[in-house]
Amino acid sequence: MDKLNLFGIYFEQKRQEKKISLRELASKTGVSHTYLYNIEKGHKAPPNDLILVKLADVLSLNCAERKLWFDIAAKDNQQRNNNVH
């Protein structure tokens, strides 16, 4: 498993569990489907907190899922930042 893409993997898993396409999620959040695809595939880092909240709301994540959602995003971003320096 790609350590730099833990968030993307979790994101894709949750989206598929909820049976929501990238285009539908993009439409409901106002975020480009291309950007969401790039996050899922690890080409882009996890988004900012505002977008994370929008995505979590549309995906109807429960409290435990939201905690993990934000924890994985933070760890993924931290690891990406460490690899840049």
Protein backbone atom coordinates (compact mmCIF):
# COMPACT_ATOMS: atom_id res chain seq x y z
CA MET A 1 0.00 0.00 0.00
CA ASP A 2 1.35 3.42 -0.95
CA LYS A 3 2.06 5.27 2.30
CA LEU A 4 1.60 8.59 0.50
CA ASN A 5 -1.91 7.69 -0.57
CA LEU A 6 -3.60 6.33 2.53
CA PHE A 7 -6.18 9.09 2.38
CA GLY A 8 -6.91 8.48 -1.31
CA ILE A 9 -7.47 4.80 -0.66
CA TYR A 10 -9.79 5.50 2.27
CA PHE A 11 -11.61 8.18 0.28
CA GLU A 12 -12.24 5.86 -2.66
CA GLN A 13 -13.39 3.06 -0.32
CA LYS A 14 -15.93 5.31 1.44
CA ARG A 15 -17.18 6.78 -1.82
CA GLN A 16 -17.72 3.33 -3.32
CA GLU A 17 -19.42 2.07 -0.14
CA LYS A 18 -21.90 4.94 -0.47
CA LYS A 19 -22.30 4.21 -4.20
CA ILE A 20 -21.54 7.80 -5.21
CA SER A 21 -19.68 8.52 -8.44
CA LEU A 22 -16.91 11.09 -8.59
CA ARG A 23 -19.07 13.29 -10.81
CA GLU A 24 -22.00 13.12 -8.39
CA LEU A 25 -19.73 13.90 -5.44
CA ALA A 26 -18.21 16.79 -7.38
CA SER A 27 -21.65 18.16 -8.20
CA LYS A 28 -22.79 17.96 -4.58
CA THR A 29 -19.64 19.57 -3.15
CA GLY A 30 -18.71 22.08 -5.84
CA VAL A 31 -15.29 20.45 -6.18
CA SER A 32 -13.96 19.38 -9.60
CA HIS A 33 -14.31 15.66 -10.34
CA THR A 34 -10.79 15.75 -11.82
CA TYR A 35 -9.40 17.10 -8.55
CA LEU A 36 -11.26 14.40 -6.58
CA TYR A 37 -9.93 11.71 -8.93
CA ASN A 38 -6.38 13.00 -8.44
CA ILE A 39 -6.82 12.88 -4.65
CA GLU A 40 -8.07 9.28 -4.82
CA LYS A 41 -5.15 8.21 -7.00
CA GLY A 42 -2.55 9.96 -4.84
CA HIS A 43 -1.59 12.55 -7.44
CA LYS A 44 -2.81 15.33 -5.12
CA ALA A 45 -2.57 15.66 -1.35
CA PRO A 46 -5.72 15.52 0.78
CA PRO A 47 -7.71 18.76 0.52
CA ASN A 48 -8.11 21.51 3.09
CA ASP A 49 -10.47 21.14 6.05
CA LEU A 50 -13.34 22.99 4.37
CA ILE A 51 -13.39 20.53 1.48
CA LEU A 52 -12.86 17.58 3.83
CA VAL A 53 -16.00 18.62 5.75
CA LYS A 54 -18.04 19.00 2.53
CA LEU A 55 -16.95 15.57 1.35
CA ALA A 56 -17.61 13.95 4.74
CA ASP A 57 -21.09 15.51 4.81
CA VAL A 58 -22.02 14.24 1.34
CA LEU A 59 -20.58 10.81 2.14
CA SER A 60 -22.62 10.81 5.41
CA LEU A 61 -19.63 9.71 7.45
CA ASN A 62 -20.42 8.88 11.08
CA CYS A 63 -18.34 10.21 14.01
CA ALA A 64 -15.81 7.38 13.97
CA GLU A 65 -15.41 7.58 10.18
CA ARG A 66 -14.98 11.37 10.35
CA LYS A 67 -12.29 11.08 13.01
CA LEU A 68 -10.41 8.56 10.88
CA TRP A 69 -11.06 10.73 7.77
CA PHE A 70 -9.34 13.76 9.34
CA ASP A 71 -6.60 11.71 11.02
CA ILE A 72 -5.60 9.99 7.78
CA ALA A 73 -5.71 13.28 5.87
CA ALA A 74 -3.43 14.94 8.44
CA LYS A 75 -0.97 12.02 8.48
CA ASP A 76 -0.92 11.85 4.69
CA ASN A 77 -0.24 15.60 4.44
CA GLN A 78 2.44 15.43 7.13
CA GLN A 79 4.20 12.56 5.37
CA ARG A 80 4.07 14.39 2.04
CA ASN A 81 5.55 17.50 3.66
CA ASN A 82 8.33 15.45 5.28
CA ASN A 83 9.23 13.89 1.92
CA VAL A 84 9.51 17.33 0.29
CA HIS A 85 12.10 18.57 2.81
